[in-house]
Amino acid sequence: MLIDVPQHVSRRLNQECFCITVDHANLRGALANEVGDAQSIAALMAARPHLFSSTPVFLPAVEISEMLRTVRAIEAVAVLPAYRDAVLSWAPESAGYDPGPLGIFMGYDFHLTDDGPKLIEINTNAGGAFLNALLVRAQRACCEEVDTALARSGEQEFESAVIRMFENEWRLQGRPSRPRRIAIVDDRPEEQYLYPEFLLAQRLLGRHGFEAHVVDAGQLRYEASQLMVDGKPLDFVYNRLVDFALEGAGHTALRAAYLNAATVVTPHPRAHALFADKRNMTVLSDEGLLRSWGVLDETLTALRRIPRTIHVTAENAQQLWKIR
């Protein structure tokens, strides 16, 4: 859990605070209450003993600000025609279609270093948001500094922000009103480590009037220009697959529905191609190339939080290994 605190306080806490700040009984109770099945939740948690960390990581406000600057810089570069031409040149065919949505729950992974945060990965199917929102409720203060930090968590805004995000994706694809039936889709979802999160998402969406289902991608059917599950049409797919291009044999129905705009799919292949393909880091960390595209100095400075990334090939692999 990341908690916004002043820099000097965060350093001291990260070095010296090893207290257990999670009330696990409270956490299990909150999860069971959300899902409505205490027995099933007990079994799920027993099989996932490390789903939640017992101790927090304290993050100073200045580093949060630095991370946000880097995210904004990436998003500014991502709209440039030259950048899109570069990264779409190695993208799959499905990424050529632009449905409109931005991609729900985009994740930017930073490592904390002595020189500040460093971006190491972008994820378009990032997990953990629903779990962390629940985790906040089970935090307990072990000292005055932690009590101060916990008061700034802002978890009450989470639920309304999620609903706004879903509705915005719907509108960005030119759909009126709001979706009625939403599927949270993955391969064999009940076997996924983050399956408890799928259940939390389902309940949250249900509280706001959506008919939400957790669906195995293999159960989807594309019939009569509609994406169907159990004979019912789906309006919206919250996509948790790691088949980012939707090229897998079991994903043909979802791919067809996506490419034919039969349903809103988010995140989608284009979002992954523009942001999360690891090869994109070679572009985002190449200051000379970005400067030749007219990227502003302020943006270039923010992008220095991305370590210089080089595409490994058969020709340079040996040399890179030597200087690692």
Protein backbone atom coordinates (compact mmCIF):
# COMPACT_ATOMS: atom_id res chain seq x y z
CA MET A 1 0.00 0.00 0.00
CA LEU A 2 1.31 3.43 -0.92
CA ILE A 3 0.58 6.24 1.54
CA ASP A 4 1.32 9.89 0.78
CA VAL A 5 3.57 11.37 3.50
CA PRO A 6 6.32 14.03 3.62
CA GLN A 7 9.68 12.84 2.30
CA HIS A 8 11.57 12.89 5.61
CA VAL A 9 8.77 10.97 7.31
CA SER A 10 8.53 8.35 4.56
CA ARG A 11 12.27 7.66 4.65
CA ARG A 12 12.24 7.14 8.39
CA LEU A 13 9.17 4.91 8.26
CA ASN A 14 10.52 2.76 5.41
CA GLN A 15 13.82 2.30 7.28
CA GLU A 16 12.47 1.74 10.78
CA CYS A 17 8.77 0.83 10.70
CA PHE A 18 8.16 -2.92 10.42
CA CYS A 19 4.84 -2.93 12.23
CA ILE A 20 1.91 -5.00 10.99
CA THR A 21 -0.63 -2.42 9.87
CA VAL A 22 -3.23 -4.76 8.35
CA ASP A 23 -6.06 -6.14 10.44
CA HIS A 24 -6.39 -9.46 8.63
CA ALA A 25 -9.59 -10.48 10.40
CA ASN A 26 -11.17 -7.17 9.43
CA LEU A 27 -9.88 -7.58 5.88
CA ARG A 28 -11.34 -11.07 5.48
CA GLY A 29 -14.61 -9.86 6.93
CA ALA A 30 -14.77 -6.90 4.57
CA LEU A 31 -14.05 -9.13 1.58
CA ALA A 32 -16.67 -11.67 2.65
CA ASN A 33 -19.18 -8.89 3.21
CA GLU A 34 -18.52 -7.48 -0.26
CA VAL A 35 -18.79 -10.83 -2.02
CA GLY A 36 -21.52 -12.23 0.22
CA ASP A 37 -19.99 -15.69 0.67
CA ALA A 38 -17.76 -16.05 3.71
CA GLN A 39 -16.99 -19.73 3.10
CA SER A 40 -15.81 -19.18 -0.47
CA ILE A 41 -13.73 -16.17 0.54
CA ALA A 42 -12.06 -18.17 3.30
CA ALA A 43 -11.04 -20.80 0.76
CA LEU A 44 -9.84 -18.19 -1.74
CA MET A 45 -7.73 -16.40 0.86
CA ALA A 46 -6.27 -19.66 2.18
CA ALA A 47 -5.04 -20.41 -1.35
CA ARG A 48 -3.62 -16.88 -1.69
CA PRO A 49 -1.72 -16.21 1.57
CA HIS A 50 0.35 -13.42 0.01
CA LEU A 51 -2.44 -11.58 -1.80
CA PHE A 52 -2.12 -8.70 0.67
CA SER A 53 1.05 -7.33 2.22
CA SER A 54 0.98 -6.91 5.98
CA THR A 55 3.17 -3.82 5.93
CA PRO A 56 2.88 -0.60 3.92
CA VAL A 57 5.38 1.25 1.76
CA PHE A 58 5.41 4.96 2.56
CA LEU A 59 5.70 7.22 -0.44
CA PRO A 60 6.47 10.95 -0.17
CA ALA A 61 4.27 13.45 -1.94
CA VAL A 62 7.18 14.72 -4.04
CA GLU A 63 7.69 11.27 -5.56
CA ILE A 64 3.99 10.89 -6.30
CA SER A 65 4.24 14.22 -8.13
CA GLU A 66 7.25 12.97 -10.11
CA MET A 67 5.40 9.82 -11.14
CA LEU A 68 2.39 11.83 -12.31
CA ARG A 69 4.66 14.12 -14.32
CA THR A 70 6.13 11.11 -16.10
CA VAL A 71 2.68 9.64 -16.81
CA ARG A 72 1.47 12.93 -18.26
CA ALA A 73 4.62 13.17 -20.39
CA ILE A 74 4.07 9.67 -21.81
CA GLU A 75 0.47 10.48 -22.63
CA ALA A 76 1.56 13.71 -24.34
CA VAL A 77 4.05 11.84 -26.54
CA ALA A 78 1.58 9.04 -27.29
CA VAL A 79 -0.66 11.36 -29.32
CA LEU A 80 2.16 12.41 -31.67
CA PRO A 81 1.81 11.00 -35.21
CA ALA A 82 5.54 10.17 -35.34
CA TYR A 83 5.34 8.18 -32.12
CA ARG A 84 2.26 6.29 -33.27
CA ASP A 85 3.87 5.46 -36.60
CA ALA A 86 6.93 4.14 -34.78
CA VAL A 87 5.22 1.91 -32.23
CA LEU A 88 2.42 0.70 -34.51
CA SER A 89 5.07 -0.48 -36.98
CA TRP A 90 5.71 -3.50 -34.74
CA ALA A 91 2.16 -3.85 -33.41
CA PRO A 92 -0.27 -6.65 -34.33
CA GLU A 93 -2.92 -6.14 -36.98
CA SER A 94 -5.71 -5.75 -34.42
CA ALA A 95 -4.01 -2.63 -33.03
CA GLY A 96 -4.67 -0.83 -36.32
CA TYR A 97 -8.31 -0.40 -35.32
CA ASP A 98 -9.04 2.61 -33.10
CA PRO A 99 -12.36 2.11 -31.28
CA GLY A 100 -12.11 5.30 -29.25
CA PRO A 101 -11.76 4.24 -25.59
CA LEU A 102 -8.50 5.02 -23.83
CA GLY A 103 -8.10 1.77 -21.92
CA ILE A 104 -9.48 1.19 -18.44
CA PHE A 105 -7.22 0.80 -15.37
CA MET A 106 -3.97 1.72 -17.08
CA GLY A 107 -1.07 0.86 -14.78
CA TYR A 108 2.34 2.53 -14.57
CA ASP A 109 4.88 0.50 -12.56
CA PHE A 110 7.64 2.44 -10.84
CA HIS A 111 10.60 1.21 -8.80
CA LEU A 112 11.69 3.43 -5.93
CA THR A 113 15.40 4.28 -6.00
CA ASP A 114 17.78 6.68 -4.29
CA ASP A 115 17.49 8.84 -7.42
CA GLY A 116 13.71 8.87 -7.28
CA PRO A 117 11.09 6.69 -8.96
CA LYS A 118 11.98 4.90 -12.22
CA LEU A 119 9.35 3.62 -14.63
CA ILE A 120 9.95 -0.01 -15.50
CA GLU A 121 6.70 -1.09 -17.11
CA ILE A 122 3.28 0.03 -18.36
CA ASN A 123 0.34 -2.35 -18.04
CA THR A 124 -2.99 -2.15 -19.82
CA ASN A 125 -4.55 -4.93 -17.76
CA ALA A 126 -3.21 -3.84 -14.40
CA GLY A 127 -4.72 -5.59 -11.40
CA GLY A 128 -5.01 -4.63 -7.76
CA ALA A 129 -7.13 -1.47 -7.71
CA PHE A 130 -10.23 -3.09 -6.22
CA LEU A 131 -8.13 -5.07 -3.75
CA ASN A 132 -6.25 -2.00 -2.58
CA ALA A 133 -9.46 -0.05 -2.12
CA LEU A 134 -10.62 -2.82 0.19
CA LEU A 135 -7.25 -2.98 1.92
CA VAL A 136 -7.48 0.64 2.98
CA ARG A 137 -10.45 -0.20 5.18
CA ALA A 138 -8.41 -2.77 7.10
CA GLN A 139 -5.44 -0.52 7.89
CA ARG A 140 -4.69 0.25 11.50
CA ALA A 141 -2.30 2.88 12.79
CA CYS A 142 0.65 1.64 14.82
CA CYS A 143 2.06 5.11 15.54
CA GLU A 144 1.23 8.79 15.13
CA GLU A 145 3.01 9.04 11.77
CA VAL A 146 1.01 6.16 10.30
CA ASP A 147 -2.21 7.61 11.69
CA THR A 148 -1.42 10.87 9.88
CA ALA A 149 -0.68 9.05 6.64
CA LEU A 150 -3.82 6.93 6.75
CA ALA A 151 -5.99 10.03 7.06
CA ARG A 152 -4.89 11.07 3.56
CA SER A 153 -5.77 7.88 1.73
CA GLY A 154 -8.88 9.22 -0.07
CA GLU A 155 -10.39 5.78 -0.59
CA GLN A 156 -13.94 7.16 -0.49
CA GLU A 157 -13.46 8.59 -3.98
CA PHE A 158 -12.54 5.24 -5.48
CA GLU A 159 -15.97 3.85 -6.25
CA SER A 160 -17.32 6.93 -7.98
CA ALA A 161 -14.08 7.26 -9.96
CA VAL A 162 -14.41 3.67 -11.21
CA ILE A 163 -17.96 4.24 -12.42
CA ARG A 164 -16.96 7.47 -14.17
CA MET A 165 -14.14 5.59 -15.90
CA PHE A 166 -16.43 2.84 -17.18
CA GLU A 167 -19.01 5.34 -18.39
CA ASN A 168 -16.35 7.47 -20.07
CA GLU A 169 -15.00 4.48 -22.03
CA TRP A 170 -18.56 3.76 -23.18
CA ARG A 171 -19.07 7.33 -24.39
CA LEU A 172 -15.68 7.45 -26.12
CA GLN A 173 -16.91 4.71 -28.44
CA GLY A 174 -19.89 6.87 -29.32
CA ARG A 175 -22.46 4.94 -27.29
CA PRO A 176 -25.50 6.71 -25.82
CA SER A 177 -26.84 6.36 -22.28
CA ARG A 178 -24.87 3.69 -20.37
CA PRO A 179 -24.09 -0.02 -20.79
CA ARG A 180 -26.51 -2.51 -19.27
CA ARG A 181 -24.62 -5.83 -19.27
CA ILE A 182 -20.88 -5.92 -18.49
CA ALA A 183 -18.58 -8.95 -18.58
CA ILE A 184 -15.31 -9.17 -16.64
CA VAL A 185 -13.39 -11.50 -18.97
CA ASP A 186 -10.34 -13.70 -18.51
CA ASP A 187 -9.28 -17.26 -19.31
CA ARG A 188 -10.52 -19.61 -16.58
CA PRO A 189 -11.18 -16.65 -14.26
CA GLU A 190 -11.80 -18.79 -11.18
CA GLU A 191 -8.24 -20.12 -11.45
CA GLN A 192 -6.65 -16.68 -11.66
CA TYR A 193 -4.72 -15.44 -8.63
CA LEU A 194 -6.65 -12.16 -8.72
CA TYR A 195 -10.05 -13.84 -8.98
CA PRO A 196 -11.14 -12.17 -5.69
CA GLU A 197 -10.71 -8.85 -7.46
CA PHE A 198 -13.04 -9.93 -10.26
CA LEU A 199 -15.69 -10.62 -7.64
CA LEU A 200 -15.15 -7.20 -6.05
CA ALA A 201 -15.48 -5.52 -9.46
CA GLN A 202 -18.66 -7.47 -10.15
CA ARG A 203 -20.23 -6.36 -6.87
CA LEU A 204 -19.20 -2.73 -7.29
CA LEU A 205 -20.70 -2.56 -10.78
CA GLY A 206 -23.84 -4.28 -9.55
CA ARG A 207 -24.33 -1.66 -6.85
CA HIS A 208 -24.46 0.97 -9.57
CA GLY A 209 -27.13 -0.67 -11.66
CA PHE A 210 -25.04 -2.69 -14.10
CA GLU A 211 -25.66 -6.38 -14.73
CA ALA A 212 -22.11 -7.66 -14.24
CA HIS A 213 -20.79 -11.17 -14.90
CA VAL A 214 -17.38 -12.83 -14.50
CA VAL A 215 -16.94 -14.75 -17.76
CA ASP A 216 -14.46 -17.22 -19.22
CA ALA A 217 -13.37 -15.88 -22.62
CA GLY A 218 -13.99 -19.33 -24.11
CA GLN A 219 -17.70 -19.04 -23.28
CA LEU A 220 -18.18 -15.98 -25.49
CA ARG A 221 -19.95 -16.31 -28.83
CA TYR A 222 -20.19 -13.84 -31.70
CA GLU A 223 -23.58 -14.32 -33.28
CA ALA A 224 -25.76 -12.08 -35.44
CA SER A 225 -23.31 -9.19 -35.00
CA GLN A 226 -23.50 -9.43 -31.21
CA LEU A 227 -21.16 -10.70 -28.53
CA MET A 228 -23.08 -13.23 -26.46
CA VAL A 229 -22.70 -15.24 -23.27
CA ASP A 230 -25.30 -17.79 -22.24
CA GLY A 231 -27.60 -16.45 -24.95
CA LYS A 232 -27.44 -12.86 -23.66
CA PRO A 233 -25.83 -9.94 -25.53
CA LEU A 234 -22.93 -8.12 -23.87
CA ASP A 235 -22.61 -4.36 -24.09
CA PHE A 236 -19.22 -3.94 -22.46
CA VAL A 237 -16.17 -6.13 -21.79
CA TYR A 238 -13.72 -5.31 -18.99
CA ASN A 239 -10.82 -7.23 -20.52
CA ARG A 240 -8.35 -8.93 -18.16
CA LEU A 241 -6.75 -11.23 -20.75
CA VAL A 242 -3.00 -11.29 -21.28
CA ASP A 243 -3.57 -12.11 -24.96
CA PHE A 244 -3.21 -8.43 -25.76
CA ALA A 245 -3.76 -8.79 -29.51
CA LEU A 246 -6.78 -11.13 -29.09
CA GLU A 247 -5.07 -13.65 -31.35
CA GLY A 248 -5.55 -16.78 -29.24
CA ALA A 249 -7.72 -19.62 -30.50
CA GLY A 250 -10.16 -19.18 -27.63
CA HIS A 251 -10.57 -15.47 -28.24
CA THR A 252 -11.95 -15.40 -31.78
CA ALA A 253 -15.43 -14.32 -30.67
CA LEU A 254 -14.09 -11.42 -28.60
CA ARG A 255 -11.74 -10.37 -31.40
CA ALA A 256 -14.57 -10.38 -33.97
CA ALA A 257 -16.85 -8.38 -31.69
CA TYR A 258 -14.05 -5.89 -30.99
CA LEU A 259 -13.05 -5.36 -34.63
CA ASN A 260 -16.69 -5.00 -35.68
CA ALA A 261 -17.53 -2.57 -32.86
CA ALA A 262 -20.23 -4.95 -31.64
CA THR A 263 -19.30 -4.23 -28.04
CA VAL A 264 -17.02 -1.92 -26.10
CA VAL A 265 -13.82 -3.78 -25.19
CA THR A 266 -11.40 -2.13 -22.79
CA PRO A 267 -8.47 -2.30 -22.47
CA HIS A 268 -8.00 -3.25 -26.10
CA PRO A 269 -5.18 -4.15 -28.53
CA ARG A 270 -4.54 -0.58 -29.63
CA ALA A 271 -4.11 0.67 -26.06
CA HIS A 272 -1.55 -2.07 -25.43
CA ALA A 273 0.29 -1.28 -28.67
CA LEU A 274 0.49 2.45 -27.91
CA PHE A 275 1.52 2.16 -24.27
CA ALA A 276 2.36 -1.28 -22.91
CA ASP A 277 4.43 -3.02 -25.58
CA LYS A 278 7.86 -3.30 -23.97
CA ARG A 279 9.54 -2.19 -27.21
CA ASN A 280 7.95 1.23 -26.77
CA MET A 281 10.36 1.93 -23.91
CA THR A 282 13.18 2.15 -26.47
CA VAL A 283 11.36 5.10 -28.02
CA LEU A 284 10.22 6.79 -24.81
CA SER A 285 13.77 6.72 -23.41
CA ASP A 286 15.46 8.00 -26.61
CA GLU A 287 15.78 11.72 -25.93
CA GLY A 288 17.43 12.50 -29.25
CA LEU A 289 14.65 10.87 -31.23
CA LEU A 290 11.94 12.54 -29.15
CA ARG A 291 13.63 15.92 -29.53
CA SER A 292 13.67 15.46 -33.33
CA TRP A 293 9.88 15.07 -33.14
CA GLY A 294 9.55 18.42 -31.39
CA VAL A 295 8.91 17.12 -27.87
CA LEU A 296 9.21 19.98 -25.36
CA ASP A 297 12.09 20.19 -22.88
CA GLU A 298 9.70 19.95 -19.91
CA THR A 299 8.31 16.71 -21.28
CA LEU A 300 11.79 15.34 -22.00
CA THR A 301 12.82 16.06 -18.41
CA ALA A 302 9.83 14.12 -17.06
CA LEU A 303 10.64 11.19 -19.36
CA ARG A 304 14.09 10.84 -17.81
CA ARG A 305 12.35 8.79 -15.14
CA ILE A 306 12.37 6.02 -17.78
CA PRO A 307 15.71 4.16 -17.78
CA ARG A 308 17.43 4.10 -21.19
CA THR A 309 16.09 1.01 -22.90
CA ILE A 310 17.74 -0.83 -25.78
CA HIS A 311 16.16 -3.40 -28.06
CA VAL A 312 18.11 -6.64 -27.62
CA THR A 313 18.96 -8.37 -30.91
CA ALA A 314 21.11 -11.32 -31.93
CA GLU A 315 23.73 -8.81 -33.04
CA ASN A 316 24.05 -6.80 -29.80
CA ALA A 317 23.08 -9.38 -27.18
CA GLN A 318 26.62 -10.48 -26.36
CA GLN A 319 27.94 -6.95 -25.98
CA LEU A 320 25.00 -5.91 -23.80
CA TRP A 321 25.61 -8.93 -21.57
CA LYS A 322 29.26 -7.90 -21.13
CA ILE A 323 28.39 -4.35 -20.01
CA ARG A 324 25.34 -5.28 -17.95
